[in-house]
Amino acid sequence: MKIAVIGTGYVGLVSGTCFAETGNHVTCVDIDERKVNSLRNGKITIYEPGLEKLFERNLKEGRLHFTTKIEDVIDDVSIIFLALPTPPGEDGSADLSYVLGVADHLGKIMKDYKVLVDKSTVPVGTADKVHAAVAANYKGDFDVVSNPEFLREGVAVDDFMKPDRVVVGCSSERAEKLMTELYAPFVRQGNPVIFMDEKSAELTKYAANSFLATKITFMNEIARVCELVGADVDKVRKGIGTDTRIGNRFLFPGIGYGGSCFPKDVKALVKSSSEVNYDFQILNAVEKVNEEQKTYLIPKIKAYFNGDVSGKHFAIWGLSFKPNTDDIREAPALYLIDELVASGATVTTFDPEAMENVKGVIGNKVAYAETMYDALDGADALIIATEWAEFRNPNFDRIGDALKSKIIFDGRNVFGSEKMKELGYIYFSIGRQPITA
C-alpha cells in the first residue's frame, strides 16, 4: 500500500518507519527542508530506542522516502496520515491550525478518493472540522478517520509494531476496509482493531492519557501521606498493585509527570469539557498536584541546608522527562533547576541523551558533565530526577568520594532505603522515611 505521513515529528517518524517495515511504500512530508534533507541522508532526527535500525533498513530498501511537497506524491497514495503538532494554547485548548491548514491545502490538490487519517491527538469534533476544510475546496469522495496513537516514548517501536489495541474512528465501509488491511500485519496475534465513531475515538485518546496521569498523581499523593504518617509507599504500592482491578503499572511515585502527551492532553480535556459546560474536577486537581510535585524535592533540600541553598552546588542526574528519550518537554528536572538557581545555587547536570536539548533551552544556566560521575565533583548533594537504567547500580564509592558529603535526594526512588542506610548515606526519597544518620 502507498501512504503518506504529513509531519516528521515523534509520531510521524515512528509511524512512517513502522508502516514501511511491514512492506508499505511510505513518503513522509515536512515543510522543514533541513530536517527532510537530514532524513534523506540517513540521519535520524529523534532519539527512540530501536527506531534507527528500522529507519536505516527501510530507507535502504526504498520503502521510506522524504519530501517537502505533498504535491509530489498526492496522486499515488491512498491513505494520508496527519501527524502534525497540536500545541496547547494559553487557555489549554489544542491548537488545530497546523492540522486544518494542511486539510485546506489537501482539498485544493486532491483529484481522487483518499482516506485522511488524524494521527495527531486532537479534540472531539476535529474529524468534522478536517472534513469541512477539505470539502470547502474538493467536491469528490474522501473520508476522514480518527486513529489516535498510543505510543510510549522509549518503547514506541514495540508499541507500534505490537499494539495492545488499535483504535479507529470511522463512518465509512470503504475507509474501514483500507484501515483493516493496513493494520492487519500488526495484530496477527489477535489484539483488536476497535472500530467506533470518530468522536468516540478522539475522546478515547484523551481519556486514556488523562486516566494514566490521574493514576500517577494519586500515587504521588499517597506518597505524601506515607511520609506524614510513617508508612512506606513501596509497600503500599505492592499491596494495591496486586489487585487486578488496579494493576501494578503507573503506581511508582516520583516528582511528577511531564513529556509531550500527559500535560497537554489533560489540559485539552479540561478545556474541551469546559466548552460544553462541564467542570472536570478530578483533572483540575491532577494538574494542580502535578505542578506542585515537580518541585516537591525543593523544600526537602532547603530544609536540610537550614533554609538556605545560596552558594551550594548540586549535581542532577537525569534531564529528560522519563528514561530512554531525549524529550525534555515539561521535564521536572527543569523545574528543579529553575528553583535551585533562583535560590542562589549552582548546578552540574548529566543525562545520557537530553543534554543537547537542554542546552538549546536554558543554555549555560547550568554546567554539563561528560559522565554521570563527572557531574558529582564538588557537589554538596546529588539529586536524581530521571530513572535512567545506568543510575540504578552505580559505584557508590565513587559517588561518596566525589560529593562533599554523602547526601542524595532521590526524586524517582531509584535506590532502596535500607541499602542507603548500610552505605552511610543521608537519603531523601518520595513516600519513604528519610535516612538521616
Protein backbone atom coordinates (compact mmCIF):
# COMPACT_ATOMS: atom_id res chain seq x y z
CA MET A 1 0.00 0.00 0.00
CA LYS A 2 1.19 3.52 -0.73
CA ILE A 3 0.70 6.02 2.07
CA ALA A 4 1.85 9.49 3.05
CA VAL A 5 2.59 10.76 6.54
CA ILE A 6 2.49 14.53 6.90
CA GLY A 7 4.70 15.63 9.76
CA THR A 8 8.03 14.06 10.74
CA GLY A 9 7.95 14.72 14.45
CA TYR A 10 7.92 11.95 17.01
CA VAL A 11 4.61 10.37 16.00
CA GLY A 12 5.09 10.91 12.26
CA LEU A 13 8.57 9.46 12.04
CA VAL A 14 7.79 6.43 14.21
CA SER A 15 4.54 5.76 12.32
CA GLY A 16 6.06 6.19 8.86
CA THR A 17 9.03 3.97 9.64
CA CYS A 18 6.93 1.21 11.19
CA PHE A 19 4.42 1.23 8.32
CA ALA A 20 7.35 0.88 5.91
CA GLU A 21 8.68 -2.04 7.97
CA THR A 22 5.57 -4.06 7.05
CA GLY A 23 6.14 -3.58 3.32
CA ASN A 24 4.23 -0.39 2.61
CA HIS A 25 5.65 2.37 0.41
CA VAL A 26 5.74 5.39 2.72
CA THR A 27 6.51 9.03 1.95
CA CYS A 28 6.94 11.33 4.92
CA VAL A 29 6.27 15.01 4.27
CA ASP A 30 7.57 18.00 6.22
CA ILE A 31 7.97 21.69 5.40
CA ASP A 32 11.31 21.81 7.23
CA GLU A 33 13.82 21.40 4.38
CA ARG A 34 16.73 20.99 6.75
CA LYS A 35 15.04 18.12 8.57
CA VAL A 36 13.95 16.46 5.34
CA ASN A 37 17.46 16.64 3.91
CA SER A 38 18.85 15.16 7.11
CA LEU A 39 16.39 12.26 6.98
CA ARG A 40 17.04 11.67 3.29
CA ASN A 41 20.74 11.38 4.11
CA GLY A 42 20.08 8.73 6.74
CA LYS A 43 20.39 10.91 9.82
CA ILE A 44 17.53 10.28 12.22
CA THR A 45 16.23 13.39 13.98
CA ILE A 46 14.87 11.95 17.24
CA TYR A 47 16.15 9.52 19.83
CA GLU A 48 13.97 6.45 20.25
CA PRO A 49 15.39 3.01 21.06
CA GLY A 50 15.08 0.59 18.15
CA LEU A 51 13.92 3.17 15.63
CA GLU A 52 17.25 3.89 13.95
CA LYS A 53 17.73 0.30 12.79
CA LEU A 54 14.28 0.18 11.17
CA PHE A 55 14.76 3.65 9.70
CA GLU A 56 18.06 2.72 8.05
CA ARG A 57 16.75 -0.58 6.72
CA ASN A 58 13.63 0.86 5.12
CA LEU A 59 15.49 3.85 3.71
CA LYS A 60 17.98 1.44 2.11
CA GLU A 61 15.22 -0.84 0.78
CA GLY A 62 13.45 2.11 -0.85
CA ARG A 63 10.25 1.81 1.16
CA LEU A 64 10.76 5.05 3.12
CA HIS A 65 11.02 8.43 1.40
CA PHE A 66 11.00 12.08 2.44
CA THR A 67 9.84 15.23 0.68
CA THR A 68 8.80 18.79 1.42
CA LYS A 69 5.93 18.72 -1.08
CA ILE A 70 2.81 16.63 -0.70
CA GLU A 71 2.02 17.53 -4.32
CA ASP A 72 4.82 15.16 -5.36
CA VAL A 73 3.01 12.09 -4.01
CA ILE A 74 -0.66 13.04 -3.66
CA ASP A 75 -1.76 11.18 -6.80
CA ASP A 76 -0.08 7.90 -5.83
CA VAL A 77 -1.18 7.43 -2.23
CA SER A 78 -4.46 6.03 -0.93
CA ILE A 79 -4.07 6.97 2.74
CA ILE A 80 -2.71 10.24 4.13
CA PHE A 81 -1.83 10.43 7.84
CA LEU A 82 -1.86 13.82 9.54
CA ALA A 83 0.80 13.63 12.25
CA LEU A 84 1.02 17.33 12.95
CA PRO A 85 1.66 19.28 16.14
CA THR A 86 -1.34 20.38 18.21
CA PRO A 87 0.36 22.55 20.86
CA PRO A 88 -1.68 23.83 23.79
CA GLY A 89 -2.82 27.43 23.70
CA GLU A 90 -2.70 29.71 26.73
CA ASP A 91 -6.16 28.51 27.73
CA GLY A 92 -5.18 24.83 27.42
CA SER A 93 -7.04 24.21 24.17
CA ALA A 94 -5.32 22.29 21.38
CA ASP A 95 -4.12 24.47 18.52
CA LEU A 96 -5.53 22.94 15.33
CA SER A 97 -4.08 25.48 12.94
CA TYR A 98 -1.48 23.06 11.53
CA VAL A 99 -4.00 20.27 11.06
CA LEU A 100 -6.66 22.45 9.47
CA GLY A 101 -4.13 24.32 7.35
CA VAL A 102 -2.94 21.05 5.82
CA ALA A 103 -6.55 19.90 5.36
CA ASP A 104 -7.33 23.08 3.47
CA HIS A 105 -4.28 22.57 1.24
CA LEU A 106 -5.17 18.92 0.57
CA GLY A 107 -8.63 19.97 -0.54
CA LYS A 108 -7.05 22.15 -3.21
CA ILE A 109 -4.81 19.44 -4.68
CA MET A 110 -6.77 16.19 -4.29
CA LYS A 111 -8.08 14.65 -7.53
CA ASP A 112 -9.49 11.30 -6.40
CA TYR A 113 -10.57 9.31 -3.34
CA LYS A 114 -8.31 9.44 -0.28
CA VAL A 115 -8.58 8.44 3.35
CA LEU A 116 -7.29 11.23 5.58
CA VAL A 117 -6.27 9.95 8.99
CA ASP A 118 -5.96 12.15 12.07
CA LYS A 119 -2.98 10.60 13.87
CA SER A 120 -2.36 13.70 15.96
CA THR A 121 -4.01 13.93 19.36
CA VAL A 122 -6.98 16.18 18.66
CA PRO A 123 -10.13 17.32 20.49
CA VAL A 124 -13.54 15.80 19.93
CA GLY A 125 -15.04 17.12 16.70
CA THR A 126 -11.74 17.56 14.85
CA ALA A 127 -12.59 14.95 12.20
CA ASP A 128 -15.66 17.00 11.33
CA LYS A 129 -13.55 20.14 11.06
CA VAL A 130 -10.98 18.41 8.84
CA HIS A 131 -13.78 17.11 6.63
CA ALA A 132 -15.25 20.60 6.29
CA ALA A 133 -11.85 22.13 5.50
CA VAL A 134 -11.21 19.64 2.70
CA ALA A 135 -14.78 19.80 1.37
CA ALA A 136 -14.55 23.57 1.04
CA ASN A 137 -12.21 23.02 -1.91
CA TYR A 138 -12.68 19.41 -3.03
CA LYS A 139 -16.08 18.07 -4.11
CA GLY A 140 -15.10 14.47 -4.78
CA ASP A 141 -15.26 11.44 -2.49
CA PHE A 142 -12.97 11.17 0.55
CA ASP A 143 -13.15 10.01 4.14
CA VAL A 144 -11.68 11.35 7.37
CA VAL A 145 -10.69 8.80 10.01
CA SER A 146 -9.54 9.25 13.60
CA ASN A 147 -6.69 6.88 14.52
CA PRO A 148 -5.11 8.07 17.78
CA GLU A 149 -1.64 6.87 18.69
CA PHE A 150 -0.80 5.18 21.99
CA LEU A 151 2.97 5.34 21.83
CA ARG A 152 5.10 5.48 24.95
CA GLU A 153 8.36 7.33 24.43
CA GLY A 154 11.21 4.92 25.00
CA VAL A 155 9.26 1.87 23.79
CA ALA A 156 7.37 3.41 20.86
CA VAL A 157 8.62 0.93 18.26
CA ASP A 158 7.35 -2.05 20.25
CA ASP A 159 4.10 -0.22 20.95
CA PHE A 160 3.57 0.39 17.24
CA MET A 161 4.70 -2.99 15.94
CA LYS A 162 2.87 -4.96 18.66
CA PRO A 163 -0.04 -2.79 19.79
CA ASP A 164 -2.34 -3.99 22.55
CA ARG A 165 -5.15 -2.40 20.54
CA VAL A 166 -5.70 -0.14 17.54
CA VAL A 167 -8.50 2.41 17.79
CA VAL A 168 -10.10 3.64 14.57
CA GLY A 169 -12.90 6.18 14.37
CA CYS A 170 -14.59 5.61 11.05
CA SER A 171 -18.04 6.01 9.46
CA SER A 172 -17.26 4.58 6.02
CA GLU A 173 -17.08 0.91 4.98
CA ARG A 174 -14.60 1.82 2.25
CA ALA A 175 -12.26 3.52 4.71
CA GLU A 176 -12.72 0.75 7.28
CA LYS A 177 -11.63 -1.84 4.72
CA LEU A 178 -8.44 0.10 3.91
CA MET A 179 -7.59 0.62 7.59
CA THR A 180 -8.21 -3.06 8.33
CA GLU A 181 -5.83 -4.04 5.53
CA LEU A 182 -3.19 -1.57 6.67
CA TYR A 183 -3.17 -2.74 10.30
CA ALA A 184 -3.56 -6.48 9.64
CA PRO A 185 0.21 -7.21 9.94
CA PHE A 186 0.33 -5.52 13.35
CA VAL A 187 -2.47 -7.52 15.00
CA ARG A 188 -1.75 -11.06 13.85
CA GLN A 189 -1.61 -12.24 17.47
CA GLY A 190 -5.25 -11.36 17.90
CA ASN A 191 -5.11 -7.96 19.58
CA PRO A 192 -8.11 -5.99 18.44
CA VAL A 193 -8.65 -3.26 15.91
CA ILE A 194 -11.54 -1.44 17.57
CA PHE A 195 -13.78 0.47 15.19
CA MET A 196 -16.02 3.21 16.55
CA ASP A 197 -17.35 6.60 15.55
CA GLU A 198 -14.87 9.44 15.08
CA LYS A 199 -15.83 11.40 18.19
CA SER A 200 -15.51 8.37 20.44
CA ALA A 201 -12.05 7.63 19.01
CA GLU A 202 -10.94 11.21 19.60
CA LEU A 203 -12.13 11.11 23.20
CA THR A 204 -10.58 7.67 23.81
CA LYS A 205 -7.08 9.12 23.42
CA TYR A 206 -7.67 11.94 25.89
CA ALA A 207 -9.44 9.62 28.32
CA ALA A 208 -6.58 7.10 28.28
CA ASN A 209 -3.81 9.62 28.92
CA SER A 210 -5.83 11.55 31.50
CA PHE A 211 -6.61 8.36 33.40
CA LEU A 212 -2.92 7.40 33.49
CA ALA A 213 -1.97 10.91 34.63
CA THR A 214 -4.57 10.61 37.36
CA LYS A 215 -3.18 7.24 38.47
CA ILE A 216 0.34 8.67 38.72
CA THR A 217 -0.88 11.70 40.62
CA PHE A 218 -2.96 9.63 43.02
CA MET A 219 0.13 7.62 43.91
CA ASN A 220 2.13 10.80 44.43
CA GLU A 221 -0.48 11.98 46.91
CA ILE A 222 -0.41 8.61 48.68
CA ALA A 223 3.37 9.04 48.91
CA ARG A 224 2.90 12.41 50.63
CA VAL A 225 0.58 10.83 53.17
CA CYS A 226 3.07 7.98 53.71
CA GLU A 227 5.77 10.46 54.69
CA LEU A 228 3.44 12.18 57.18
CA VAL A 229 2.17 9.03 58.91
CA GLY A 230 5.37 6.97 58.79
CA ALA A 231 4.28 4.44 56.15
CA ASP A 232 6.35 3.10 53.24
CA VAL A 233 4.95 3.86 49.79
CA ASP A 234 6.74 0.89 48.23
CA LYS A 235 4.82 -1.48 50.49
CA VAL A 236 1.55 0.33 49.86
CA ARG A 237 2.20 0.21 46.11
CA LYS A 238 2.73 -3.55 46.19
CA GLY A 239 -0.30 -4.01 48.40
CA ILE A 240 -2.67 -2.30 45.98
CA GLY A 241 -0.93 -3.24 42.74
CA THR A 242 -1.71 -6.92 43.15
CA ASP A 243 -5.41 -6.09 42.99
CA THR A 244 -6.29 -6.93 39.37
CA ARG A 245 -8.84 -4.12 39.34
CA ILE A 246 -6.00 -1.65 39.92
CA GLY A 247 -2.92 -3.26 38.38
CA ASN A 248 0.70 -2.57 39.19
CA ARG A 249 1.61 -0.15 36.40
CA PHE A 250 1.83 3.63 36.83
CA LEU A 251 1.96 3.26 40.62
CA PHE A 252 5.54 4.42 41.10
CA PRO A 253 5.71 7.74 42.96
CA GLY A 254 8.09 10.45 41.87
CA ILE A 255 8.40 14.13 41.09
CA GLY A 256 5.52 14.33 38.65
CA TYR A 257 4.80 13.50 35.04
CA GLY A 258 6.00 15.51 32.06
CA GLY A 259 6.52 14.97 28.36
CA SER A 260 4.57 15.89 25.27
CA CYS A 261 1.36 13.95 25.99
CA PHE A 262 0.09 13.86 29.56
CA PRO A 263 0.35 17.58 30.40
CA LYS A 264 -1.08 18.66 27.05
CA ASP A 265 -3.84 16.07 26.93
CA VAL A 266 -5.04 16.71 30.48
CA LYS A 267 -5.23 20.44 29.75
CA ALA A 268 -7.05 19.84 26.48
CA LEU A 269 -9.65 17.55 28.05
CA VAL A 270 -10.26 20.05 30.85
CA LYS A 271 -10.68 22.82 28.27
CA SER A 272 -12.92 20.88 25.88
CA SER A 273 -15.07 19.78 28.83
CA SER A 274 -15.46 23.37 29.96
CA GLU A 275 -16.62 24.28 26.45
CA VAL A 276 -19.65 22.03 26.96
CA ASN A 277 -20.16 23.47 30.46
CA TYR A 278 -18.66 20.55 32.36
CA ASP A 279 -16.23 21.14 35.23
CA PHE A 280 -13.80 18.20 35.17
CA GLN A 281 -12.93 18.45 38.86
CA ILE A 282 -10.66 15.41 39.08
CA LEU A 283 -8.42 16.59 36.24
CA ASN A 284 -8.25 20.10 37.64
CA ALA A 285 -6.90 18.57 40.84
CA VAL A 286 -4.49 16.34 38.89
CA GLU A 287 -2.99 19.39 37.17
CA LYS A 288 -2.60 21.27 40.44
CA VAL A 289 -0.97 18.39 42.29
CA ASN A 290 1.38 17.58 39.41
CA GLU A 291 2.64 21.15 39.19
CA GLU A 292 3.43 21.05 42.91
CA GLN A 293 5.04 17.62 42.62
CA LYS A 294 7.65 18.76 40.10
CA THR A 295 9.37 20.81 42.81
CA TYR A 296 8.47 18.53 45.72
CA LEU A 297 12.15 17.93 46.49
CA ILE A 298 12.94 21.63 46.89
CA PRO A 299 11.52 22.05 50.44
CA LYS A 300 13.35 18.87 51.50
CA ILE A 301 16.62 20.21 50.07
CA LYS A 302 16.22 23.63 51.63
CA ALA A 303 15.21 22.20 54.98
CA TYR A 304 18.31 20.03 55.10
CA PHE A 305 20.51 23.05 54.37
CA ASN A 306 18.79 25.14 57.06
CA GLY A 307 16.59 27.00 54.61
CA ASP A 308 19.40 28.48 52.50
CA VAL A 309 20.99 26.88 49.43
CA SER A 310 22.73 30.02 48.18
CA GLY A 311 26.32 29.16 47.40
CA LYS A 312 25.57 25.44 47.42
CA HIS A 313 26.40 23.28 44.42
CA PHE A 314 24.23 20.38 43.28
CA ALA A 315 24.61 17.52 40.82
CA ILE A 316 21.49 16.47 38.92
CA TRP A 317 21.27 13.08 37.23
CA GLY A 318 18.58 12.98 34.56
CA LEU A 319 17.09 15.78 32.46
CA SER A 320 14.59 14.06 30.16
CA PHE A 321 11.05 13.72 31.46
CA LYS A 322 11.48 9.92 31.51
CA PRO A 323 14.28 7.45 30.65
CA ASN A 324 15.04 6.27 27.11
CA THR A 325 14.12 9.54 25.44
CA ASP A 326 15.70 12.94 24.80
CA ASP A 327 12.34 14.68 25.27
CA ILE A 328 12.54 17.45 27.89
CA ARG A 329 9.08 18.93 27.47
CA GLU A 330 7.63 19.62 30.93
CA ALA A 331 10.54 17.67 32.45
CA PRO A 332 10.58 18.02 36.26
CA ALA A 333 14.38 18.41 36.20
CA LEU A 334 13.99 21.80 34.52
CA TYR A 335 11.67 23.00 37.26
CA LEU A 336 14.14 21.86 39.90
CA ILE A 337 16.94 23.70 38.11
CA ASP A 338 14.90 26.91 37.97
CA GLU A 339 14.16 26.78 41.70
CA LEU A 340 17.73 25.99 42.72
CA VAL A 341 19.34 28.64 40.52
CA ALA A 342 16.78 31.24 41.61
CA SER A 343 17.75 30.44 45.20
CA GLY A 344 21.42 31.11 44.52
CA ALA A 345 22.67 27.57 43.99
CA THR A 346 24.75 26.25 41.09
CA VAL A 347 24.10 23.00 39.23
CA THR A 348 26.02 20.48 37.14
CA THR A 349 23.90 18.04 35.17
CA PHE A 350 24.21 14.77 33.33
CA ASP A 351 21.78 12.91 31.09
CA PRO A 352 22.61 10.15 28.58
CA GLU A 353 20.59 11.73 25.75
CA ALA A 354 18.91 15.02 26.65
CA MET A 355 21.75 17.46 27.36
CA GLU A 356 21.85 19.00 23.89
CA ASN A 357 18.13 19.68 24.05
CA VAL A 358 18.52 21.28 27.47
CA LYS A 359 21.38 23.45 26.20
CA GLY A 360 19.06 24.68 23.47
CA VAL A 361 16.51 25.78 26.06
CA ILE A 362 18.49 27.09 29.05
CA GLY A 363 21.99 27.46 27.64
CA ASN A 364 24.71 27.91 30.25
CA LYS A 365 22.34 28.28 33.18
CA VAL A 366 23.88 25.00 34.38
CA ALA A 367 27.07 23.08 33.69
CA TYR A 368 27.02 19.85 31.67
CA ALA A 369 29.20 16.87 32.57
CA GLU A 370 30.55 14.27 30.19
CA THR A 371 29.79 11.39 32.55
CA MET A 372 27.47 10.79 35.47
CA TYR A 373 30.42 10.69 37.84
CA ASP A 374 31.99 13.89 36.49
CA ALA A 375 28.78 15.69 37.44
CA LEU A 376 29.39 14.89 41.11
CA ASP A 377 32.72 16.64 41.60
CA GLY A 378 32.47 19.09 44.48
CA ALA A 379 28.70 18.90 44.77
CA ASP A 380 27.02 19.32 48.13
CA ALA A 381 24.42 16.71 47.18
CA LEU A 382 23.18 14.54 44.32
CA ILE A 383 19.63 14.95 43.00
CA ILE A 384 18.11 12.20 40.84
CA ALA A 385 15.38 13.50 38.53
CA THR A 386 15.09 10.73 35.90
CA GLU A 387 15.33 6.97 36.48
CA TRP A 388 17.75 6.03 33.68
CA ALA A 389 18.83 2.36 33.98
CA GLU A 390 22.51 3.28 34.33
CA PHE A 391 21.73 5.19 37.51
CA ARG A 392 20.29 2.14 39.27
CA ASN A 393 23.51 0.33 40.15
CA PRO A 394 26.24 2.96 40.31
CA ASN A 395 29.59 2.81 42.03
CA PHE A 396 28.60 4.21 45.41
CA ASP A 397 32.23 4.54 46.50
CA ARG A 398 32.85 6.90 43.57
CA ILE A 399 29.72 8.85 44.44
CA GLY A 400 30.78 9.21 48.07
CA ASP A 401 34.31 10.24 47.15
CA ALA A 402 33.17 12.89 44.66
CA LEU A 403 30.47 14.54 46.79
CA LYS A 404 31.35 16.89 49.63
CA SER A 405 29.00 14.86 51.80
CA LYS A 406 27.16 11.60 51.15
CA ILE A 407 23.76 13.17 50.52
CA ILE A 408 21.23 12.06 47.89
CA PHE A 409 17.80 13.47 47.10
CA ASP A 410 16.11 10.78 45.01
CA GLY A 411 13.09 12.01 43.08
CA ARG A 412 12.44 8.62 41.45
CA ASN A 413 13.10 6.18 44.32
CA VAL A 414 15.89 4.59 42.31
CA PHE A 415 17.67 3.26 45.41
CA GLY A 416 16.49 1.22 48.38
CA SER A 417 16.39 2.97 51.73
CA GLU A 418 17.98 0.09 53.62
CA LYS A 419 20.91 -0.06 51.21
CA MET A 420 21.46 3.68 51.54
CA LYS A 421 21.50 3.32 55.31
CA GLU A 422 24.03 0.48 55.13
CA LEU A 423 26.27 2.58 52.88
CA GLY A 424 26.16 5.53 55.24
CA TYR A 425 24.25 7.95 53.01
CA ILE A 426 21.86 10.67 54.05
CA TYR A 427 18.98 9.82 51.77
CA PHE A 428 15.69 11.52 50.95
CA SER A 429 13.15 9.92 48.59
CA ILE A 430 9.42 10.04 47.79
CA GLY A 431 6.90 8.45 50.15
CA ARG A 432 9.52 6.82 52.39
CA GLN A 433 11.07 7.89 55.65
CA PRO A 434 14.37 9.78 55.25
CA ILE A 435 17.68 8.23 56.20
CA THR A 436 19.38 11.00 58.16
CA ALA A 437 22.10 9.22 60.09
